[in-house]
Amino acid sequence: MNLASLLVSSETDEVPDFESVTRMSIGVSATMPISERWAFQLAGGYSQRGGKGDLTEENVNIHLTLNTDYYELAGLGVMRFPLSGDRVSAHLLAGPALALEASCDIAAEARVEGTSVEINEACDAGEFRLDISSFDLGLVGGGGIEIGASESVGVSLGARYNFGLLDLDDSERDVLKHRGVSLRAGLVFSIG
């Protein structure tokens, strides 16, 4: 599960204050031990991001929701801490993540002097056209716990924070960056 938000700044005052949205994240990862305490993790997945906000101008109220979906690949350094024998361990991880846009759409609901208008469209078309970069680069950091049910199978619980480094607004008028916390749960399989 992603708790995604957007950092938006502009030279104009016409920028909504974006709030976080709850979206989906799913993926797989492979962790390769380097030593007893250190490992390298290669993770790939599908991550949904975005934000929602309100903009009020004279007699117009607009509620915007931006949904962006990405295919993401991350290379993470992992530091492990045994907690209870070989069965329970904690870990910290950090590293870069590269994301390629799968889709982008914007939904807007405008109320003008009592009349409502709704728009749902792709980011690169229509009235609310946004020039958004098709890739993103972020810095990921987080941690978690692994609980072994047997020698080869376990459960993993964790959280990751993705700090977007790139300005996604290709128009160069505004600054638009992703931020997000991913809450993760999964199965762990030991091979070899």
C-alpha atoms as a PDB file:
ATOM      1  CA  MET A   1       0.000   0.000   0.000  1.00  0.00           C
ATOM      2  CA  ASN A   2       1.312   3.447  -0.964  1.00  0.00           C
ATOM      3  CA  LEU A   3       0.526   6.609   0.965  1.00  0.00           C
ATOM      4  CA  ALA A   4       1.496   8.928  -1.873  1.00  0.00           C
ATOM      5  CA  SER A   5       1.716  12.708  -2.021  1.00  0.00           C
ATOM      6  CA  LEU A   6       3.080  15.458  -4.230  1.00  0.00           C
ATOM      7  CA  LEU A   7       5.369  18.364  -3.459  1.00  0.00           C
ATOM      8  CA  VAL A   8       4.230  21.227  -5.693  1.00  0.00           C
ATOM      9  CA  SER A   9       5.641  24.733  -5.890  1.00  0.00           C
ATOM     10  CA  SER A  10       5.057  27.417  -8.475  1.00  0.00           C
ATOM     11  CA  GLU A  11       5.822  31.030  -9.293  1.00  0.00           C
ATOM     12  CA  THR A  12       2.054  31.626  -9.411  1.00  0.00           C
ATOM     13  CA  ASP A  13      -0.424  31.437  -6.539  1.00  0.00           C
ATOM     14  CA  GLU A  14      -2.667  29.049  -8.524  1.00  0.00           C
ATOM     15  CA  VAL A  15      -1.312  25.838  -7.005  1.00  0.00           C
ATOM     16  CA  PRO A  16      -3.453  23.594  -4.815  1.00  0.00           C
ATOM     17  CA  ASP A  17      -2.210  22.232  -1.524  1.00  0.00           C
ATOM     18  CA  PHE A  18      -1.934  18.536  -2.351  1.00  0.00           C
ATOM     19  CA  GLU A  19      -2.909  15.889   0.207  1.00  0.00           C
ATOM     20  CA  SER A  20      -1.867  12.256   0.227  1.00  0.00           C
ATOM     21  CA  VAL A  21      -3.804   9.472  -1.481  1.00  0.00           C
ATOM     22  CA  THR A  22      -3.823   5.754  -0.699  1.00  0.00           C
ATOM     23  CA  ARG A  23      -2.868   3.633  -3.709  1.00  0.00           C
ATOM     24  CA  MET A  24      -1.510   0.162  -4.486  1.00  0.00           C
ATOM     25  CA  SER A  25       2.046  -1.122  -4.721  1.00  0.00           C
ATOM     26  CA  ILE A  26       3.023  -4.672  -5.656  1.00  0.00           C
ATOM     27  CA  GLY A  27       6.369  -6.233  -6.508  1.00  0.00           C
ATOM     28  CA  VAL A  28       9.077  -8.806  -6.006  1.00  0.00           C
ATOM     29  CA  SER A  29      12.624  -8.546  -4.740  1.00  0.00           C
ATOM     30  CA  ALA A  30      15.726 -10.693  -4.565  1.00  0.00           C
ATOM     31  CA  THR A  31      18.173 -10.199  -1.699  1.00  0.00           C
ATOM     32  CA  MET A  32      21.733 -11.456  -2.173  1.00  0.00           C
ATOM     33  CA  PRO A  33      23.868 -11.755   0.970  1.00  0.00           C
ATOM     34  CA  ILE A  34      27.286 -10.125   0.872  1.00  0.00           C
ATOM     35  CA  SER A  35      28.203 -11.002   4.464  1.00  0.00           C
ATOM     36  CA  GLU A  36      26.350 -12.059   7.613  1.00  0.00           C
ATOM     37  CA  ARG A  37      25.150  -8.490   8.214  1.00  0.00           C
ATOM     38  CA  TRP A  38      25.159  -6.898   4.721  1.00  0.00           C
ATOM     39  CA  ALA A  39      23.182  -7.687   1.567  1.00  0.00           C
ATOM     40  CA  PHE A  40      22.131  -6.193  -1.767  1.00  0.00           C
ATOM     41  CA  GLN A  41      18.470  -6.169  -2.787  1.00  0.00           C
ATOM     42  CA  LEU A  42      17.169  -5.776  -6.325  1.00  0.00           C
ATOM     43  CA  ALA A  43      13.465  -4.898  -6.260  1.00  0.00           C
ATOM     44  CA  GLY A  44      10.994  -4.427  -9.091  1.00  0.00           C
ATOM     45  CA  GLY A  45       7.326  -3.639  -9.069  1.00  0.00           C
ATOM     46  CA  TYR A  46       4.265  -1.652 -10.017  1.00  0.00           C
ATOM     47  CA  SER A  47       3.728   1.462  -7.918  1.00  0.00           C
ATOM     48  CA  GLN A  48       0.742   3.798  -7.973  1.00  0.00           C
ATOM     49  CA  ARG A  49       1.343   7.405  -6.880  1.00  0.00           C
ATOM     50  CA  GLY A  50      -0.371  10.784  -7.013  1.00  0.00           C
ATOM     51  CA  GLY A  51      -2.142  13.348  -4.888  1.00  0.00           C
ATOM     52  CA  LYS A  52      -5.335  15.331  -4.492  1.00  0.00           C
ATOM     53  CA  GLY A  53      -5.982  18.969  -3.787  1.00  0.00           C
ATOM     54  CA  ASP A  54      -8.417  21.868  -3.925  1.00  0.00           C
ATOM     55  CA  LEU A  55      -8.056  25.140  -5.781  1.00  0.00           C
ATOM     56  CA  THR A  56     -10.371  28.097  -5.207  1.00  0.00           C
ATOM     57  CA  GLU A  57     -10.354  31.125  -7.460  1.00  0.00           C
ATOM     58  CA  GLU A  58     -13.059  33.831  -7.362  1.00  0.00           C
ATOM     59  CA  ASN A  59     -16.364  31.931  -7.931  1.00  0.00           C
ATOM     60  CA  VAL A  60     -14.708  28.641  -8.994  1.00  0.00           C
ATOM     61  CA  ASN A  61     -13.882  25.690  -6.739  1.00  0.00           C
ATOM     62  CA  ILE A  62     -11.845  22.872  -8.302  1.00  0.00           C
ATOM     63  CA  HIS A  63     -11.023  19.512  -6.695  1.00  0.00           C
ATOM     64  CA  LEU A  64      -8.112  17.794  -8.513  1.00  0.00           C
ATOM     65  CA  THR A  65      -6.833  14.218  -8.253  1.00  0.00           C
ATOM     66  CA  LEU A  66      -3.631  13.228 -10.058  1.00  0.00           C
ATOM     67  CA  ASN A  67      -2.982   9.479 -10.453  1.00  0.00           C
ATOM     68  CA  THR A  68       0.362   8.310 -11.842  1.00  0.00           C
ATOM     69  CA  ASP A  69       1.343   4.646 -12.152  1.00  0.00           C
ATOM     70  CA  TYR A  70       4.938   3.492 -12.554  1.00  0.00           C
ATOM     71  CA  TYR A  71       7.052   0.417 -13.201  1.00  0.00           C
ATOM     72  CA  GLU A  72       9.846   0.757 -10.658  1.00  0.00           C
ATOM     73  CA  LEU A  73      13.299  -0.793 -10.255  1.00  0.00           C
ATOM     74  CA  ALA A  74      15.414  -0.246  -7.111  1.00  0.00           C
ATOM     75  CA  GLY A  75      18.912  -1.305  -6.052  1.00  0.00           C
ATOM     76  CA  LEU A  76      19.116  -1.228  -2.250  1.00  0.00           C
ATOM     77  CA  GLY A  77      21.843  -1.826   0.292  1.00  0.00           C
ATOM     78  CA  VAL A  78      20.549  -3.882   3.240  1.00  0.00           C
ATOM     79  CA  MET A  79      21.898  -4.061   6.803  1.00  0.00           C
ATOM     80  CA  ARG A  80      20.492  -6.912   8.940  1.00  0.00           C
ATOM     81  CA  PHE A  81      20.149  -7.223  12.713  1.00  0.00           C
ATOM     82  CA  PRO A  82      19.316 -10.622  14.244  1.00  0.00           C
ATOM     83  CA  LEU A  83      16.663 -10.243  16.971  1.00  0.00           C
ATOM     84  CA  SER A  84      15.820 -13.761  18.072  1.00  0.00           C
ATOM     85  CA  GLY A  85      18.142 -16.489  16.892  1.00  0.00           C
ATOM     86  CA  ASP A  86      17.866 -17.324  13.195  1.00  0.00           C
ATOM     87  CA  ARG A  87      14.074 -16.931  13.002  1.00  0.00           C
ATOM     88  CA  VAL A  88      13.525 -13.181  13.569  1.00  0.00           C
ATOM     89  CA  SER A  89      15.609 -10.358  12.144  1.00  0.00           C
ATOM     90  CA  ALA A  90      15.257  -6.651  11.440  1.00  0.00           C
ATOM     91  CA  HIS A  91      16.773  -4.790   8.525  1.00  0.00           C
ATOM     92  CA  LEU A  92      17.422  -1.270   7.265  1.00  0.00           C
ATOM     93  CA  LEU A  93      17.722  -0.513   3.577  1.00  0.00           C
ATOM     94  CA  ALA A  94      18.542   2.432   1.332  1.00  0.00           C
ATOM     95  CA  GLY A  95      19.321   3.160  -2.290  1.00  0.00           C
ATOM     96  CA  PRO A  96      18.127   4.635  -5.583  1.00  0.00           C
ATOM     97  CA  ALA A  97      14.900   3.763  -7.412  1.00  0.00           C
ATOM     98  CA  LEU A  98      14.169   4.429 -11.085  1.00  0.00           C
ATOM     99  CA  ALA A  99      10.529   4.558 -12.206  1.00  0.00           C
ATOM    100  CA  LEU A 100       9.034   4.536 -15.723  1.00  0.00           C
ATOM    101  CA  GLU A 101       5.504   5.890 -16.145  1.00  0.00           C
ATOM    102  CA  ALA A 102       2.837   3.316 -17.035  1.00  0.00           C
ATOM    103  CA  SER A 103      -0.101   5.736 -16.999  1.00  0.00           C
ATOM    104  CA  CYS A 104      -1.120   9.182 -15.828  1.00  0.00           C
ATOM    105  CA  ASP A 105      -4.592  10.625 -15.480  1.00  0.00           C
ATOM    106  CA  ILE A 106      -6.203  13.604 -13.879  1.00  0.00           C
ATOM    107  CA  ALA A 107      -9.707  13.911 -12.483  1.00  0.00           C
ATOM    108  CA  ALA A 108     -11.198  17.323 -11.822  1.00  0.00           C
ATOM    109  CA  GLU A 109     -14.499  18.354 -10.351  1.00  0.00           C
ATOM    110  CA  ALA A 110     -15.270  22.043 -10.773  1.00  0.00           C
ATOM    111  CA  ARG A 111     -18.130  23.983  -9.223  1.00  0.00           C
ATOM    112  CA  VAL A 112     -18.883  27.296 -10.909  1.00  0.00           C
ATOM    113  CA  GLU A 113     -21.704  29.343  -9.366  1.00  0.00           C
ATOM    114  CA  GLY A 114     -23.684  26.228  -8.390  1.00  0.00           C
ATOM    115  CA  THR A 115     -23.015  24.236 -11.596  1.00  0.00           C
ATOM    116  CA  SER A 116     -20.808  21.105 -11.401  1.00  0.00           C
ATOM    117  CA  VAL A 117     -18.517  19.887 -14.161  1.00  0.00           C
ATOM    118  CA  GLU A 118     -16.476  16.645 -13.981  1.00  0.00           C
ATOM    119  CA  ILE A 119     -13.487  15.770 -16.148  1.00  0.00           C
ATOM    120  CA  ASN A 120     -11.486  12.502 -16.268  1.00  0.00           C
ATOM    121  CA  GLU A 121      -8.700  12.401 -18.832  1.00  0.00           C
ATOM    122  CA  ALA A 122      -5.122  11.388 -19.542  1.00  0.00           C
ATOM    123  CA  CYS A 123      -2.481  13.868 -18.352  1.00  0.00           C
ATOM    124  CA  ASP A 124      -1.192  14.514 -21.873  1.00  0.00           C
ATOM    125  CA  ALA A 125      -4.598  15.373 -23.400  1.00  0.00           C
ATOM    126  CA  GLY A 126      -7.562  17.629 -22.859  1.00  0.00           C
ATOM    127  CA  GLU A 127      -8.269  20.794 -20.919  1.00  0.00           C
ATOM    128  CA  PHE A 128      -6.027  20.085 -17.878  1.00  0.00           C
ATOM    129  CA  ARG A 129      -3.049  18.983 -19.999  1.00  0.00           C
ATOM    130  CA  LEU A 130       0.061  18.420 -17.857  1.00  0.00           C
ATOM    131  CA  ASP A 131       3.570  18.055 -19.239  1.00  0.00           C
ATOM    132  CA  ILE A 132       4.839  15.365 -16.873  1.00  0.00           C
ATOM    133  CA  SER A 133       8.124  13.496 -17.312  1.00  0.00           C
ATOM    134  CA  SER A 134       7.737   9.820 -18.174  1.00  0.00           C
ATOM    135  CA  PHE A 135      10.404   8.734 -15.663  1.00  0.00           C
ATOM    136  CA  ASP A 136      11.246   9.499 -12.060  1.00  0.00           C
ATOM    137  CA  LEU A 137      14.292   8.967  -9.885  1.00  0.00           C
ATOM    138  CA  GLY A 138      13.963   8.646  -6.138  1.00  0.00           C
ATOM    139  CA  LEU A 139      15.941   7.867  -3.030  1.00  0.00           C
ATOM    140  CA  VAL A 140      14.418   5.020  -1.005  1.00  0.00           C
ATOM    141  CA  GLY A 141      15.001   4.322   2.676  1.00  0.00           C
ATOM    142  CA  GLY A 142      13.217   2.096   5.139  1.00  0.00           C
ATOM    143  CA  GLY A 143      13.242  -0.965   7.309  1.00  0.00           C
ATOM    144  CA  GLY A 144      11.376  -4.043   8.316  1.00  0.00           C
ATOM    145  CA  ILE A 145      11.182  -7.337  10.150  1.00  0.00           C
ATOM    146  CA  GLU A 146      11.437 -10.884   8.812  1.00  0.00           C
ATOM    147  CA  ILE A 147       9.937 -13.771  10.757  1.00  0.00           C
ATOM    148  CA  GLY A 148      10.907 -17.265   9.672  1.00  0.00           C
ATOM    149  CA  ALA A 149       8.157 -19.901   9.779  1.00  0.00           C
ATOM    150  CA  SER A 150      10.657 -22.580   8.709  1.00  0.00           C
ATOM    151  CA  GLU A 151      14.210 -22.711   7.334  1.00  0.00           C
ATOM    152  CA  SER A 152      13.054 -21.730   3.838  1.00  0.00           C
ATOM    153  CA  VAL A 153       9.787 -19.769   4.295  1.00  0.00           C
ATOM    154  CA  GLY A 154       8.985 -16.625   6.253  1.00  0.00           C
ATOM    155  CA  VAL A 155       6.957 -13.443   6.460  1.00  0.00           C
ATOM    156  CA  SER A 156       8.247  -9.911   5.933  1.00  0.00           C
ATOM    157  CA  LEU A 157       6.707  -6.651   7.244  1.00  0.00           C
ATOM    158  CA  GLY A 158       8.190  -3.252   6.498  1.00  0.00           C
ATOM    159  CA  ALA A 159       7.937   0.359   5.424  1.00  0.00           C
ATOM    160  CA  ARG A 160       9.801   2.384   2.797  1.00  0.00           C
ATOM    161  CA  TYR A 161       9.927   6.108   2.101  1.00  0.00           C
ATOM    162  CA  ASN A 162      10.491   7.231  -1.487  1.00  0.00           C
ATOM    163  CA  PHE A 163      11.838  10.774  -1.819  1.00  0.00           C
ATOM    164  CA  GLY A 164      11.459  11.930  -5.453  1.00  0.00           C
ATOM    165  CA  LEU A 165      14.584  13.714  -6.672  1.00  0.00           C
ATOM    166  CA  LEU A 166      13.467  14.869 -10.124  1.00  0.00           C
ATOM    167  CA  ASP A 167      11.151  17.693 -11.088  1.00  0.00           C
ATOM    168  CA  LEU A 168       8.414  15.888 -13.042  1.00  0.00           C
ATOM    169  CA  ASP A 169       6.966  19.070 -14.577  1.00  0.00           C
ATOM    170  CA  ASP A 170       8.453  19.321 -18.082  1.00  0.00           C
ATOM    171  CA  SER A 171       6.851  22.744 -18.604  1.00  0.00           C
ATOM    172  CA  GLU A 172       9.533  24.294 -16.339  1.00  0.00           C
ATOM    173  CA  ARG A 173       6.915  26.605 -14.789  1.00  0.00           C
ATOM    174  CA  ASP A 174       6.317  24.579 -11.651  1.00  0.00           C
ATOM    175  CA  VAL A 175       8.132  22.054  -9.488  1.00  0.00           C
ATOM    176  CA  LEU A 176       6.352  18.710  -9.051  1.00  0.00           C
ATOM    177  CA  LYS A 177       7.970  15.892  -7.063  1.00  0.00           C
ATOM    178  CA  HIS A 178       6.654  12.604  -5.709  1.00  0.00           C
ATOM    179  CA  ARG A 179       6.817  11.630  -2.053  1.00  0.00           C
ATOM    180  CA  GLY A 180       5.452   8.438  -0.587  1.00  0.00           C
ATOM    181  CA  VAL A 181       5.462   5.847   2.147  1.00  0.00           C
ATOM    182  CA  SER A 182       4.955   2.217   1.164  1.00  0.00           C
ATOM    183  CA  LEU A 183       3.677  -0.184   3.802  1.00  0.00           C
ATOM    184  CA  ARG A 184       4.688  -3.685   2.744  1.00  0.00           C
ATOM    185  CA  ALA A 185       3.858  -7.266   3.682  1.00  0.00           C
ATOM    186  CA  GLY A 186       5.065 -10.352   1.892  1.00  0.00           C
ATOM    187  CA  LEU A 187       6.381 -13.891   1.839  1.00  0.00           C
ATOM    188  CA  VAL A 188      10.102 -14.690   2.012  1.00  0.00           C
ATOM    189  CA  PHE A 189      11.557 -17.763   0.293  1.00  0.00           C
ATOM    190  CA  SER A 190      15.178 -18.807   0.890  1.00  0.00           C
ATOM    191  CA  ILE A 191      16.926 -20.366  -2.084  1.00  0.00           C
ATOM    192  CA  GLY A 192      20.084 -22.334  -1.583  1.00  0.00           C
END
